[in-house]
Each structure stands twice: as C-alpha cells, then as structure tokens.
C-alpha atoms as a PDB file:
ATOM      1  CA  MET A   1     150.960-131.488 130.470  1.00  0.00           C
ATOM      2  CA  ASN A   2     149.896-130.156 127.073  1.00  0.00           C
ATOM      3  CA  LEU A   3     146.554-131.486 125.837  1.00  0.00           C
ATOM      4  CA  ALA A   4     147.400-130.680 122.221  1.00  0.00           C
ATOM      5  CA  SER A   5     150.528-132.837 122.331  1.00  0.00           C
ATOM      6  CA  GLU A   6     148.596-135.629 124.027  1.00  0.00           C
ATOM      7  CA  LEU A   7     146.002-135.576 121.232  1.00  0.00           C
ATOM      8  CA  ALA A   8     148.574-135.414 118.441  1.00  0.00           C
ATOM      9  CA  GLY A   9     148.997-139.186 118.550  1.00  0.00           C
ATOM     10  CA  LEU A  10     145.276-139.659 118.102  1.00  0.00           C
ATOM     11  CA  VAL A  11     145.266-137.294 115.111  1.00  0.00           C
ATOM     12  CA  ASP A  12     148.094-139.326 113.554  1.00  0.00           C
ATOM     13  CA  GLN A  13     145.729-142.309 113.532  1.00  0.00           C
ATOM     14  CA  PHE A  14     143.240-140.301 111.454  1.00  0.00           C
ATOM     15  CA  GLU A  15     145.818-139.583 108.735  1.00  0.00           C
ATOM     16  CA  PRO A  16     144.661-138.890 106.112  1.00  0.00           C
ATOM     17  CA  ILE A  17     141.859-136.954 107.829  1.00  0.00           C
ATOM     18  CA  ALA A  18     139.403-137.933 105.095  1.00  0.00           C
ATOM     19  CA  ARG A  19     139.192-141.638 104.357  1.00  0.00           C
ATOM     20  CA  PRO A  20     140.347-143.059 101.008  1.00  0.00           C
ATOM     21  CA  GLY A  21     138.023-141.934  98.254  1.00  0.00           C
ATOM     22  CA  GLY A  22     137.482-138.553  99.861  1.00  0.00           C
ATOM     23  CA  VAL A  23     134.802-139.697 102.306  1.00  0.00           C
ATOM     24  CA  GLY A  24     134.823-137.669 105.520  1.00  0.00           C
ATOM     25  CA  ARG A  25     134.246-138.827 109.067  1.00  0.00           C
ATOM     26  CA  VAL A  26     131.747-137.853 111.748  1.00  0.00           C
ATOM     27  CA  LEU A  27     132.801-138.270 115.376  1.00  0.00           C
ATOM     28  CA  MET A  28     131.013-137.344 118.586  1.00  0.00           C
ATOM     29  CA  VAL A  29     132.930-136.409 121.742  1.00  0.00           C
ATOM     30  CA  MET A  30     131.019-137.010 124.964  1.00  0.00           C
ATOM     31  CA  GLY A  31     131.975-136.739 128.599  1.00  0.00           C
ATOM     32  CA  GLY A  32     131.729-139.804 130.756  1.00  0.00           C
ATOM     33  CA  SER A  33     130.484-137.448 133.455  1.00  0.00           C
ATOM     34  CA  ARG A  34     129.703-133.763 133.871  1.00  0.00           C
ATOM     35  CA  GLY A  35     132.835-131.614 133.833  1.00  0.00           C
ATOM     36  CA  ALA A  36     135.069-134.312 132.318  1.00  0.00           C
ATOM     37  CA  GLY A  37     136.486-131.821 129.822  1.00  0.00           C
ATOM     38  CA  ALA A  38     134.848-133.163 126.665  1.00  0.00           C
ATOM     39  CA  SER A  39     134.448-129.665 125.196  1.00  0.00           C
ATOM     40  CA  THR A  40     138.156-128.974 125.604  1.00  0.00           C
ATOM     41  CA  VAL A  41     139.037-132.262 123.944  1.00  0.00           C
ATOM     42  CA  ALA A  42     136.562-131.679 121.085  1.00  0.00           C
ATOM     43  CA  ARG A  43     137.933-128.197 120.446  1.00  0.00           C
ATOM     44  CA  GLU A  44     141.619-129.154 120.546  1.00  0.00           C
ATOM     45  CA  LEU A  45     141.008-132.237 118.418  1.00  0.00           C
ATOM     46  CA  SER A  46     139.198-130.065 115.868  1.00  0.00           C
ATOM     47  CA  ARG A  47     142.047-127.563 115.779  1.00  0.00           C
ATOM     48  CA  LEU A  48     144.693-130.233 115.270  1.00  0.00           C
ATOM     49  CA  CYS A  49     142.752-131.992 112.537  1.00  0.00           C
ATOM     50  CA  ALA A  50     142.029-128.692 110.765  1.00  0.00           C
ATOM     51  CA  GLN A  51     145.775-128.195 110.331  1.00  0.00           C
ATOM     52  CA  ARG A  52     145.859-131.301 108.131  1.00  0.00           C
ATOM     53  CA  ALA A  53     142.447-131.086 106.494  1.00  0.00           C
ATOM     54  CA  ALA A  54     141.989-130.304 102.817  1.00  0.00           C
ATOM     55  CA  ARG A  55     138.223-129.736 102.855  1.00  0.00           C
ATOM     56  CA  GLY A  56     137.789-128.419 106.369  1.00  0.00           C
ATOM     57  CA  VAL A  57     136.718-129.534 109.828  1.00  0.00           C
ATOM     58  CA  TRP A  58     133.332-128.618 111.274  1.00  0.00           C
ATOM     59  CA  LEU A  59     132.850-128.441 115.040  1.00  0.00           C
ATOM     60  CA  PHE A  60     129.241-128.711 116.196  1.00  0.00           C
ATOM     61  CA  ASP A  61     128.461-127.365 119.672  1.00  0.00           C
ATOM     62  CA  LEU A  62     125.286-129.036 120.929  1.00  0.00           C
ATOM     63  CA  ASP A  63     125.034-126.817 124.001  1.00  0.00           C
ATOM     64  CA  PHE A  64     122.581-124.574 122.169  1.00  0.00           C
ATOM     65  CA  THR A  65     122.031-122.284 125.157  1.00  0.00           C
ATOM     66  CA  ASP A  66     125.673-121.217 125.276  1.00  0.00           C
ATOM     67  CA  THR A  67     127.665-122.067 122.097  1.00  0.00           C
ATOM     68  CA  ALA A  68     130.869-121.482 124.031  1.00  0.00           C
ATOM     69  CA  GLN A  69     132.908-123.152 121.300  1.00  0.00           C
ATOM     70  CA  ALA A  70     132.232-120.247 118.925  1.00  0.00           C
ATOM     71  CA  ARG A  71     133.678-117.842 121.502  1.00  0.00           C
ATOM     72  CA  ALA A  72     136.623-120.055 122.408  1.00  0.00           C
ATOM     73  CA  THR A  73     137.666-120.462 118.761  1.00  0.00           C
ATOM     74  CA  ARG A  74     137.049-116.762 118.019  1.00  0.00           C
ATOM     75  CA  VAL A  75     134.805-117.243 115.012  1.00  0.00           C
ATOM     76  CA  ARG A  76     135.042-114.316 112.634  1.00  0.00           C
ATOM     77  CA  GLY A  77     133.919-115.477 109.211  1.00  0.00           C
ATOM     78  CA  GLU A  78     130.567-114.778 107.677  1.00  0.00           C
ATOM     79  CA  ALA A  79     127.740-117.055 108.790  1.00  0.00           C
ATOM     80  CA  PHE A  80     126.511-119.624 106.287  1.00  0.00           C
ATOM     81  CA  ASP A  81     123.720-122.155 106.302  1.00  0.00           C
ATOM     82  CA  ALA A  82     124.759-125.677 107.261  1.00  0.00           C
ATOM     83  CA  SER A  83     121.682-127.608 106.181  1.00  0.00           C
ATOM     84  CA  PHE A  84     122.767-128.787 102.690  1.00  0.00           C
ATOM     85  CA  GLY A  85     119.096-128.528 101.795  1.00  0.00           C
ATOM     86  CA  ARG A  86     118.335-131.554 103.974  1.00  0.00           C
ATOM     87  CA  GLN A  87     116.513-132.198 107.214  1.00  0.00           C
ATOM     88  CA  THR A  88     119.015-131.306 109.913  1.00  0.00           C
ATOM     89  CA  PRO A  89     119.809-133.203 113.132  1.00  0.00           C
ATOM     90  CA  TRP A  90     118.791-130.129 115.094  1.00  0.00           C
ATOM     91  CA  GLN A  91     115.227-128.852 115.144  1.00  0.00           C
ATOM     92  CA  LEU A  92     114.962-125.252 116.329  1.00  0.00           C
ATOM     93  CA  GLY A  93     111.958-123.101 117.055  1.00  0.00           C
ATOM     94  CA  THR A  94     110.862-120.158 114.939  1.00  0.00           C
ATOM     95  CA  GLY A  95     113.319-117.275 115.058  1.00  0.00           C
ATOM     96  CA  SER A  96     116.412-119.419 115.664  1.00  0.00           C
ATOM     97  CA  ARG A  97     118.924-120.968 113.295  1.00  0.00           C
ATOM     98  CA  LEU A  98     122.235-122.805 113.445  1.00  0.00           C
ATOM     99  CA  VAL A  99     124.996-121.421 111.255  1.00  0.00           C
ATOM    100  CA  MET A 100     128.660-122.215 110.686  1.00  0.00           C
ATOM    101  CA  ARG A 101     131.430-119.619 110.847  1.00  0.00           C
ATOM    102  CA  GLU A 102     135.154-119.915 110.220  1.00  0.00           C
ATOM    103  CA  SER A 103     137.401-119.500 113.239  1.00  0.00           C
ATOM    104  CA  THR A 104     140.811-117.867 113.472  1.00  0.00           C
ATOM    105  CA  GLN A 105     142.179-121.362 112.829  1.00  0.00           C
ATOM    106  CA  PRO A 106     142.125-121.860 109.034  1.00  0.00           C
ATOM    107  CA  GLN A 107     139.918-124.707 107.847  1.00  0.00           C
ATOM    108  CA  LEU A 108     138.062-124.880 111.164  1.00  0.00           C
ATOM    109  CA  PHE A 109     134.368-123.957 111.088  1.00  0.00           C
ATOM    110  CA  VAL A 110     132.298-123.793 114.262  1.00  0.00           C
ATOM    111  CA  SER A 111     128.549-123.813 114.834  1.00  0.00           C
ATOM    112  CA  GLU A 112     126.749-120.864 116.360  1.00  0.00           C
ATOM    113  CA  ILE A 113     123.124-120.308 117.271  1.00  0.00           C
ATOM    114  CA  GLN A 114     121.506-117.106 116.050  1.00  0.00           C
ATOM    115  CA  THR A 115     118.265-116.148 117.740  1.00  0.00           C
ATOM    116  CA  ALA A 116     115.998-113.216 116.950  1.00  0.00           C
ATOM    117  CA  PRO A 117     115.448-110.655 119.750  1.00  0.00           C
ATOM    118  CA  GLN A 118     112.836-111.642 122.319  1.00  0.00           C
ATOM    119  CA  THR A 119     112.779-115.198 120.996  1.00  0.00           C
ATOM    120  CA  GLN A 120     112.840-118.152 123.377  1.00  0.00           C
ATOM    121  CA  LEU A 121     115.225-120.814 122.152  1.00  0.00           C
ATOM    122  CA  LYS A 122     113.648-124.229 121.638  1.00  0.00           C
ATOM    123  CA  ALA A 123     115.743-127.120 120.384  1.00  0.00           C
ATOM    124  CA  ARG A 124     115.640-130.868 120.000  1.00  0.00           C
ATOM    125  CA  LEU A 125     117.823-133.460 118.272  1.00  0.00           C
ATOM    126  CA  ARG A 126     116.767-136.199 115.871  1.00  0.00           C
ATOM    127  CA  THR A 127     118.349-138.929 113.769  1.00  0.00           C
ATOM    128  CA  THR A 128     119.098-137.810 110.185  1.00  0.00           C
ATOM    129  CA  PRO A 129     121.573-140.189 108.508  1.00  0.00           C
ATOM    130  CA  ASP A 130     121.142-138.491 105.114  1.00  0.00           C
ATOM    131  CA  TYR A 131     122.415-135.194 106.518  1.00  0.00           C
ATOM    132  CA  TRP A 132     125.598-136.716 107.926  1.00  0.00           C
ATOM    133  CA  GLN A 133     126.252-138.611 104.695  1.00  0.00           C
ATOM    134  CA  ALA A 134     125.988-135.363 102.736  1.00  0.00           C
ATOM    135  CA  LEU A 135     128.446-133.808 105.179  1.00  0.00           C
ATOM    136  CA  ARG A 136     130.915-136.685 104.735  1.00  0.00           C
ATOM    137  CA  GLU A 137     130.884-136.038 101.008  1.00  0.00           C
ATOM    138  CA  ALA A 138     131.565-132.314 101.470  1.00  0.00           C
ATOM    139  CA  ILE A 139     134.159-132.030 104.283  1.00  0.00           C
ATOM    140  CA  ASP A 140     136.950-134.074 105.814  1.00  0.00           C
ATOM    141  CA  LEU A 141     135.769-134.282 109.409  1.00  0.00           C
ATOM    142  CA  ALA A 142     132.853-133.285 111.625  1.00  0.00           C
ATOM    143  CA  ILE A 143     133.287-133.326 115.395  1.00  0.00           C
ATOM    144  CA  ILE A 144     130.211-133.078 117.607  1.00  0.00           C
ATOM    145  CA  ASP A 145     130.674-131.672 121.099  1.00  0.00           C
ATOM    146  CA  ALA A 146     127.898-133.343 123.087  1.00  0.00           C
ATOM    147  CA  PRO A 147     126.966-132.012 126.565  1.00  0.00           C
ATOM    148  CA  GLY A 148     127.937-134.624 129.134  1.00  0.00           C
ATOM    149  CA  GLN A 149     124.963-133.888 131.392  1.00  0.00           C
ATOM    150  CA  SER A 150     122.377-134.622 128.683  1.00  0.00           C
ATOM    151  CA  ARG A 151     121.105-137.873 127.185  1.00  0.00           C
ATOM    152  CA  ALA A 152     119.611-136.065 124.179  1.00  0.00           C
ATOM    153  CA  PRO A 153     122.721-136.490 121.952  1.00  0.00           C
ATOM    154  CA  LEU A 154     122.405-140.279 122.214  1.00  0.00           C
ATOM    155  CA  VAL A 155     119.859-140.090 119.404  1.00  0.00           C
ATOM    156  CA  LEU A 156     122.764-139.170 117.103  1.00  0.00           C
ATOM    157  CA  ALA A 157     124.906-142.158 118.127  1.00  0.00           C
ATOM    158  CA  PRO A 158     123.841-144.483 115.290  1.00  0.00           C
ATOM    159  CA  ASP A 159     124.428-141.760 112.687  1.00  0.00           C
ATOM    160  CA  VAL A 160     128.075-141.057 113.528  1.00  0.00           C
ATOM    161  CA  ASP A 161     131.165-143.118 112.783  1.00  0.00           C
ATOM    162  CA  GLY A 162     132.167-143.349 116.409  1.00  0.00           C
ATOM    163  CA  VAL A 163     131.832-141.794 119.852  1.00  0.00           C
ATOM    164  CA  ILE A 164     134.906-140.768 121.845  1.00  0.00           C
ATOM    165  CA  LEU A 165     134.296-140.819 125.589  1.00  0.00           C
ATOM    166  CA  VAL A 166     136.230-138.434 127.844  1.00  0.00           C
ATOM    167  CA  ALA A 167     136.978-139.380 131.440  1.00  0.00           C
ATOM    168  CA  ASP A 168     138.210-136.947 134.090  1.00  0.00           C
ATOM    169  CA  ALA A 169     141.526-138.172 135.477  1.00  0.00           C
ATOM    170  CA  ARG A 170     140.913-136.334 138.758  1.00  0.00           C
ATOM    171  CA  GLN A 171     137.727-138.238 139.548  1.00  0.00           C
ATOM    172  CA  HIS A 172     137.674-141.267 137.322  1.00  0.00           C
ATOM    173  CA  ASP A 173     134.329-143.006 137.837  1.00  0.00           C
ATOM    174  CA  GLN A 174     134.490-146.368 136.089  1.00  0.00           C
ATOM    175  CA  ALA A 175     130.831-147.123 136.786  1.00  0.00           C
ATOM    176  CA  SER A 176     129.612-143.873 135.193  1.00  0.00           C
ATOM    177  CA  LEU A 177     131.887-144.420 132.207  1.00  0.00           C
ATOM    178  CA  MET A 178     130.600-147.940 131.658  1.00  0.00           C
ATOM    179  CA  ALA A 179     127.009-146.773 132.019  1.00  0.00           C
ATOM    180  CA  ARG A 180     127.568-144.120 129.341  1.00  0.00           C
ATOM    181  CA  ARG A 181     129.214-146.690 127.069  1.00  0.00           C
ATOM    182  CA  GLU A 182     126.295-149.078 127.478  1.00  0.00           C
ATOM    183  CA  ALA A 183     123.819-146.283 126.718  1.00  0.00           C
ATOM    184  CA  ILE A 184     125.688-145.408 123.511  1.00  0.00           C
ATOM    185  CA  GLU A 185     125.761-149.028 122.369  1.00  0.00           C
ATOM    186  CA  ALA A 186     122.104-149.529 123.296  1.00  0.00           C
ATOM    187  CA  ALA A 187     121.273-146.542 121.069  1.00  0.00           C
ATOM    188  CA  GLY A 188     123.067-148.212 118.150  1.00  0.00           C
ATOM    189  CA  GLY A 189     126.346-146.316 118.417  1.00  0.00           C
ATOM    190  CA  VAL A 190     129.974-147.423 118.561  1.00  0.00           C
ATOM    191  CA  VAL A 191     132.460-146.271 121.190  1.00  0.00           C
ATOM    192  CA  ALA A 192     135.642-145.544 119.247  1.00  0.00           C
ATOM    193  CA  GLY A 193     137.796-144.974 122.305  1.00  0.00           C
ATOM    194  CA  VAL A 194     138.250-143.357 125.709  1.00  0.00           C
ATOM    195  CA  ILE A 195     140.421-140.327 126.457  1.00  0.00           C
ATOM    196  CA  VAL A 196     141.511-139.756 130.050  1.00  0.00           C
ATOM    197  CA  ASN A 197     141.637-135.958 130.280  1.00  0.00           C
ATOM    198  CA  ARG A 198     144.345-134.551 132.528  1.00  0.00           C
ATOM    199  CA  ALA A 199     144.067-131.034 131.085  1.00  0.00           C
ATOM    200  CA  ALA A 200     142.872-129.560 134.380  1.00  0.00           C
ATOM    201  CA  GLU A 201     146.200-130.517 135.960  1.00  0.00           C
ATOM    202  CA  ALA A 202     147.894-128.134 133.557  1.00  0.00           C
ATOM    203  CA  GLY A 203     145.465-125.371 134.327  1.00  0.00           C
ATOM    204  CA  GLN A 204     143.629-125.615 131.019  1.00  0.00           C
ATOM    205  CA  ALA A 205     139.930-124.939 130.724  1.00  0.00           C
ATOM    206  CA  ALA A 206     137.805-128.040 130.536  1.00  0.00           C
END
C-alpha cells in the first residue's frame, strides 16, 4: 500500500490548492492516538500539495524538541523568518527562533527550530488568528503537524480551517478518536475528516 497514492484522492478535493480569490488554507493534522502516523500523513500530504501549489506549501512541525520533519524532507534552503511581522502562534524563549527552509521538494517549506548553544528550549502555543490570515494571503496551504500525545495544539483549533484526524488501522481505538474529536470541537475547531493510516503495513515510517 502506497500512502502517497492513498492521499492523492484527498489532494484532488483541494484542487485548486488555494481557494478562489487566491486565499490559502490552513489545516492541522493530528493523531487520534500516539503513534497513529500523523507526521507521515502531514508530510506526504504537504509534498503532494506542493506539486500543485503556485505560492508554496508550508509545513509546521510542532514537535519543537525534535523537528524531525525538517530532516525527513531534507531542508536545504536558506532560513527565513516566518513571522510576517505579527505575533506568532509559537512563543519561544530567548535564544530560540522558528524559521522556514525550502526542502528538496520544490514549493515545500518546512519549519525548523534554531537554538543558540547552551540554551534551554522553552515553547508554548497561543491563538493568533491574525497571523494565520496573513499566511493565507501569502501562500496556498499551511499544514500543521501536531504531536498526538499533546493537548497544547488544541489552542490552535479555532484558528485553522479544519483538523484532519489520523487513526492507526492496526489499533483503531474508536473511543480515543471520538474523545479527540470532542476536544477539538470543544476548543472551537472543526474536524474536516478522518484518515485511517495503513502506512505501517507497507513498512513506511509513521
């Protein structure tokens, strides 16, 4: 089973990637449980959409302690500030900053945390609708990879256009999935859909 081919149908529904009038979208991908493969889905979805994007796709990795997405996508471009001169959804301690870098996939830009030597990383998330609106006006699509084990990203739920939940086909826990959906809706977010991830069956990283 090829995850990219499975997601191709979903990407077709986004066509054009930017909505009429050139307004981009912001989507958050979140695992229904730990290890559901949400990061794999977020990355592959970003890659597929970048192939059709005119103004680029930005992939935000909210696992600030690892930023594995930057490594997986082999970022190579120069780092640039992603704040748009606005208050950002991420609040980092002194000596740390979030930057975007282009990956080996054209039109795909991925977040990376840069921390000064001997600096302890401190991070928190906050609601900033103005930031996401500025992003919609500048790019075609932003995809947020939210750690499945954390409730912190729920604060972003009302600011995004939809949340895609990822369930692990190997251990599908309906109760956990429903609990996550209810938490998103209670926070003011909208669940745009559920993806049942079978990538692990094909030996893909999740």
